[in-house]
C-alpha atoms as a PDB file:
ATOM      1  CA  UNK A   1       0.000   0.000   0.000  1.00  0.00           C
ATOM      2  CA  UNK A   2       1.422   3.382  -0.975  1.00  0.00           C
ATOM      3  CA  UNK A   3       1.772   6.161   1.559  1.00  0.00           C
ATOM      4  CA  UNK A   4      -0.893   8.129  -0.320  1.00  0.00           C
ATOM      5  CA  UNK A   5      -3.366   5.245  -0.020  1.00  0.00           C
ATOM      6  CA  UNK A   6      -3.267   5.194   3.790  1.00  0.00           C
ATOM      7  CA  UNK A   7      -6.385   6.534   5.463  1.00  0.00           C
ATOM      8  CA  UNK A   8      -5.331   8.319   8.606  1.00  0.00           C
ATOM      9  CA  UNK A   9      -7.820   8.559  11.414  1.00  0.00           C
ATOM     10  CA  UNK A  10      -8.878  11.939  12.763  1.00  0.00           C
ATOM     11  CA  UNK A  11      -7.852  12.997  16.232  1.00  0.00           C
ATOM     12  CA  UNK A  12     -11.483  12.636  17.324  1.00  0.00           C
ATOM     13  CA  UNK A  13     -11.613   9.058  16.054  1.00  0.00           C
ATOM     14  CA  UNK A  14      -8.335   8.236  17.829  1.00  0.00           C
ATOM     15  CA  UNK A  15      -9.544   9.764  21.083  1.00  0.00           C
ATOM     16  CA  UNK A  16     -12.842   7.878  20.867  1.00  0.00           C
ATOM     17  CA  UNK A  17     -10.824   4.705  20.280  1.00  0.00           C
ATOM     18  CA  UNK A  18      -8.697   5.402  23.330  1.00  0.00           C
ATOM     19  CA  UNK A  19     -11.835   5.935  25.411  1.00  0.00           C
ATOM     20  CA  UNK A  20     -13.433   2.770  23.920  1.00  0.00           C
ATOM     21  CA  UNK A  21     -16.360   4.736  22.530  1.00  0.00           C
ATOM     22  CA  UNK A  22     -16.404   3.103  19.088  1.00  0.00           C
ATOM     23  CA  UNK A  23     -17.548  -0.268  17.809  1.00  0.00           C
ATOM     24  CA  UNK A  24     -15.183  -3.221  18.290  1.00  0.00           C
ATOM     25  CA  UNK A  25     -14.660  -3.530  14.519  1.00  0.00           C
ATOM     26  CA  UNK A  26     -13.476   0.049  14.223  1.00  0.00           C
ATOM     27  CA  UNK A  27     -11.275  -0.474  17.273  1.00  0.00           C
ATOM     28  CA  UNK A  28      -9.528  -3.390  15.577  1.00  0.00           C
ATOM     29  CA  UNK A  29      -9.061  -1.318  12.406  1.00  0.00           C
ATOM     30  CA  UNK A  30      -7.547   1.567  14.366  1.00  0.00           C
ATOM     31  CA  UNK A  31      -5.231  -0.790  16.290  1.00  0.00           C
ATOM     32  CA  UNK A  32      -4.065  -2.339  13.020  1.00  0.00           C
ATOM     33  CA  UNK A  33      -3.549   1.058  11.449  1.00  0.00           C
ATOM     34  CA  UNK A  34      -1.668   2.437  14.475  1.00  0.00           C
ATOM     35  CA  UNK A  35       0.657  -0.565  14.400  1.00  0.00           C
ATOM     36  CA  UNK A  36       1.697   0.436  10.855  1.00  0.00           C
ATOM     37  CA  UNK A  37       1.387   4.254  11.062  1.00  0.00           C
ATOM     38  CA  UNK A  38       3.852   6.123  13.245  1.00  0.00           C
ATOM     39  CA  UNK A  39       1.867   9.364  12.922  1.00  0.00           C
ATOM     40  CA  UNK A  40      -1.380   7.928  14.310  1.00  0.00           C
ATOM     41  CA  UNK A  41       0.532   5.874  16.892  1.00  0.00           C
ATOM     42  CA  UNK A  42       2.199   9.072  18.104  1.00  0.00           C
ATOM     43  CA  UNK A  43      -1.133  10.851  18.463  1.00  0.00           C
ATOM     44  CA  UNK A  44      -2.528   7.870  20.374  1.00  0.00           C
ATOM     45  CA  UNK A  45       0.524   7.914  22.673  1.00  0.00           C
ATOM     46  CA  UNK A  46       0.019  11.630  23.366  1.00  0.00           C
ATOM     47  CA  UNK A  47      -3.648  11.058  24.142  1.00  0.00           C
ATOM     48  CA  UNK A  48      -2.812   8.126  26.424  1.00  0.00           C
ATOM     49  CA  UNK A  49      -0.438  10.375  28.373  1.00  0.00           C
ATOM     50  CA  UNK A  50      -3.083  13.113  28.670  1.00  0.00           C
ATOM     51  CA  UNK A  51      -5.741  10.632  29.801  1.00  0.00           C
ATOM     52  CA  UNK A  52      -3.325   9.114  32.349  1.00  0.00           C
ATOM     53  CA  UNK A  53      -2.448  12.559  33.753  1.00  0.00           C
ATOM     54  CA  UNK A  54      -6.132  13.498  33.894  1.00  0.00           C
ATOM     55  CA  UNK A  55      -7.030  10.255  35.664  1.00  0.00           C
ATOM     56  CA  UNK A  56      -4.299  10.985  38.230  1.00  0.00           C
ATOM     57  CA  UNK A  57      -5.819  14.351  39.188  1.00  0.00           C
ATOM     58  CA  UNK A  58      -7.118  14.444  42.701  1.00  0.00           C
ATOM     59  CA  UNK A  59      -9.482  17.108  43.909  1.00  0.00           C
ATOM     60  CA  UNK A  60      -9.335  17.579  47.645  1.00  0.00           C
ATOM     61  CA  UNK A  61     -12.612  17.221  49.488  1.00  0.00           C
ATOM     62  CA  UNK A  62     -14.034  20.448  50.785  1.00  0.00           C
ATOM     63  CA  UNK A  63     -15.250  20.183  54.386  1.00  0.00           C
ATOM     64  CA  UNK A  64     -19.028  20.557  54.693  1.00  0.00           C
ATOM     65  CA  UNK A  65     -18.787  23.592  56.984  1.00  0.00           C
ATOM     66  CA  UNK A  66     -16.495  25.402  54.544  1.00  0.00           C
ATOM     67  CA  UNK A  67     -18.793  24.492  51.629  1.00  0.00           C
ATOM     68  CA  UNK A  68     -21.850  25.850  53.457  1.00  0.00           C
ATOM     69  CA  UNK A  69     -20.018  29.068  54.374  1.00  0.00           C
ATOM     70  CA  UNK A  70     -18.891  29.604  50.766  1.00  0.00           C
ATOM     71  CA  UNK A  71     -22.364  28.850  49.441  1.00  0.00           C
ATOM     72  CA  UNK A  72     -24.016  31.221  51.918  1.00  0.00           C
ATOM     73  CA  UNK A  73     -21.648  34.081  51.132  1.00  0.00           C
ATOM     74  CA  UNK A  74     -22.042  33.554  47.385  1.00  0.00           C
ATOM     75  CA  UNK A  75     -25.842  33.544  47.651  1.00  0.00           C
ATOM     76  CA  UNK A  76     -25.711  36.743  49.724  1.00  0.00           C
ATOM     77  CA  UNK A  77     -23.629  38.474  47.053  1.00  0.00           C
ATOM     78  CA  UNK A  78     -25.957  37.286  44.278  1.00  0.00           C
ATOM     79  CA  UNK A  79     -29.056  38.445  46.164  1.00  0.00           C
ATOM     80  CA  UNK A  80     -27.492  41.811  46.971  1.00  0.00           C
ATOM     81  CA  UNK A  81     -26.457  42.393  43.350  1.00  0.00           C
ATOM     82  CA  UNK A  82     -29.856  41.380  42.015  1.00  0.00           C
ATOM     83  CA  UNK A  83     -31.638  43.704  44.460  1.00  0.00           C
ATOM     84  CA  UNK A  84     -29.372  46.587  43.424  1.00  0.00           C
ATOM     85  CA  UNK A  85     -30.172  45.880  39.765  1.00  0.00           C
ATOM     86  CA  UNK A  86     -33.914  45.822  40.480  1.00  0.00           C
ATOM     87  CA  UNK A  87     -33.766  49.098  42.402  1.00  0.00           C
ATOM     88  CA  UNK A  88     -31.612  50.889  39.836  1.00  0.00           C
ATOM     89  CA  UNK A  89     -33.442  49.785  36.704  1.00  0.00           C
ATOM     90  CA  UNK A  90     -36.328  47.302  36.946  1.00  0.00           C
ATOM     91  CA  UNK A  91     -36.530  46.841  33.180  1.00  0.00           C
ATOM     92  CA  UNK A  92     -32.850  45.843  33.085  1.00  0.00           C
ATOM     93  CA  UNK A  93     -33.489  43.179  35.705  1.00  0.00           C
ATOM     94  CA  UNK A  94     -36.329  41.810  33.603  1.00  0.00           C
ATOM     95  CA  UNK A  95     -34.171  41.953  30.462  1.00  0.00           C
ATOM     96  CA  UNK A  96     -31.297  40.157  32.192  1.00  0.00           C
ATOM     97  CA  UNK A  97     -33.664  37.495  33.502  1.00  0.00           C
ATOM     98  CA  UNK A  98     -35.079  36.968  30.023  1.00  0.00           C
ATOM     99  CA  UNK A  99     -31.565  36.869  28.583  1.00  0.00           C
ATOM    100  CA  UNK A 100     -30.491  34.228  31.101  1.00  0.00           C
ATOM    101  CA  UNK A 101     -33.620  32.198  30.305  1.00  0.00           C
ATOM    102  CA  UNK A 102     -32.842  32.497  26.586  1.00  0.00           C
ATOM    103  CA  UNK A 103     -29.224  31.384  27.186  1.00  0.00           C
ATOM    104  CA  UNK A 104     -30.483  28.395  29.168  1.00  0.00           C
ATOM    105  CA  UNK A 105     -32.901  27.512  26.366  1.00  0.00           C
ATOM    106  CA  UNK A 106     -30.095  27.635  23.822  1.00  0.00           C
ATOM    107  CA  UNK A 107     -27.843  25.453  25.958  1.00  0.00           C
ATOM    108  CA  UNK A 108     -30.618  22.973  26.885  1.00  0.00           C
ATOM    109  CA  UNK A 109     -33.040  22.894  23.948  1.00  0.00           C
ATOM    110  CA  UNK A 110     -34.895  19.673  24.758  1.00  0.00           C
ATOM    111  CA  UNK A 111     -35.956  20.503  28.333  1.00  0.00           C
ATOM    112  CA  UNK A 112     -36.861  24.016  27.196  1.00  0.00           C
ATOM    113  CA  UNK A 113     -38.912  22.675  24.305  1.00  0.00           C
ATOM    114  CA  UNK A 114     -40.676  20.249  26.621  1.00  0.00           C
ATOM    115  CA  UNK A 115     -41.514  23.095  29.014  1.00  0.00           C
ATOM    116  CA  UNK A 116     -42.896  25.205  26.166  1.00  0.00           C
ATOM    117  CA  UNK A 117     -44.939  22.246  24.882  1.00  0.00           C
ATOM    118  CA  UNK A 118     -46.443  21.638  28.326  1.00  0.00           C
ATOM    119  CA  UNK A 119     -47.186  25.345  28.760  1.00  0.00           C
ATOM    120  CA  UNK A 120     -48.902  25.470  25.371  1.00  0.00           C
ATOM    121  CA  UNK A 121     -50.889  22.323  26.115  1.00  0.00           C
ATOM    122  CA  UNK A 122     -52.002  23.790  29.433  1.00  0.00           C
ATOM    123  CA  UNK A 123     -52.976  27.087  27.796  1.00  0.00           C
ATOM    124  CA  UNK A 124     -54.869  25.275  25.058  1.00  0.00           C
ATOM    125  CA  UNK A 125     -56.722  23.094  27.557  1.00  0.00           C
ATOM    126  CA  UNK A 126     -57.646  26.138  29.661  1.00  0.00           C
ATOM    127  CA  UNK A 127     -58.764  28.080  26.567  1.00  0.00           C
ATOM    128  CA  UNK A 128     -60.979  25.244  25.346  1.00  0.00           C
ATOM    129  CA  UNK A 129     -62.489  24.842  28.800  1.00  0.00           C
ATOM    130  CA  UNK A 130     -62.931  28.587  29.443  1.00  0.00           C
ATOM    131  CA  UNK A 131     -64.566  29.271  26.085  1.00  0.00           C
ATOM    132  CA  UNK A 132     -66.592  26.067  26.424  1.00  0.00           C
ATOM    133  CA  UNK A 133     -65.492  24.952  22.991  1.00  0.00           C
ATOM    134  CA  UNK A 134     -66.122  21.335  23.921  1.00  0.00           C
ATOM    135  CA  UNK A 135     -69.848  22.125  23.770  1.00  0.00           C
ATOM    136  CA  UNK A 136     -69.583  23.875  20.404  1.00  0.00           C
ATOM    137  CA  UNK A 137     -67.229  21.402  18.771  1.00  0.00           C
ATOM    138  CA  UNK A 138     -67.580  17.851  20.113  1.00  0.00           C
ATOM    139  CA  UNK A 139     -64.129  16.906  18.814  1.00  0.00           C
ATOM    140  CA  UNK A 140     -62.474  19.278  21.256  1.00  0.00           C
ATOM    141  CA  UNK A 141     -63.538  16.926  24.054  1.00  0.00           C
ATOM    142  CA  UNK A 142     -61.074  14.409  22.660  1.00  0.00           C
ATOM    143  CA  UNK A 143     -58.375  17.096  22.549  1.00  0.00           C
ATOM    144  CA  UNK A 144     -59.059  17.927  26.204  1.00  0.00           C
ATOM    145  CA  UNK A 145     -58.755  14.262  27.164  1.00  0.00           C
ATOM    146  CA  UNK A 146     -55.420  14.009  25.357  1.00  0.00           C
ATOM    147  CA  UNK A 147     -54.159  17.239  26.903  1.00  0.00           C
ATOM    148  CA  UNK A 148     -55.292  16.119  30.359  1.00  0.00           C
ATOM    149  CA  UNK A 149     -53.273  12.935  29.950  1.00  0.00           C
ATOM    150  CA  UNK A 150     -50.219  14.944  28.888  1.00  0.00           C
ATOM    151  CA  UNK A 151     -50.546  17.335  31.804  1.00  0.00           C
END
């Protein structure tokens, strides 16, 4: 096989191999390739060293009393800052809250989508019930039953 015919694995593929996150067949292929390819073998060796150093890290335990003290002081600072923001400019506090909610939604789309779906289902069920649409349109009774099961 010519040097140009060799398919080198990406760094992501090699790291996944090292972490045993791929299928066994691909693992065998990567092992075979690394045995013949010094470049990929070198990358694997570097990753092994990084993983070994990371596994050797030890984080000291924080005593419970110290943790509680740190948590209490942090919460006091957060509450004080938020109260100052509300007093200085209430609309900014609302805007910052909405911005943080938007950031959360972008970072966690599935839980956010589920929350929105439940909120919409609840609003729809309340609207149908309030406007008594189940009496006007008999099919809405089925929708209410489905929404009640979801909620």
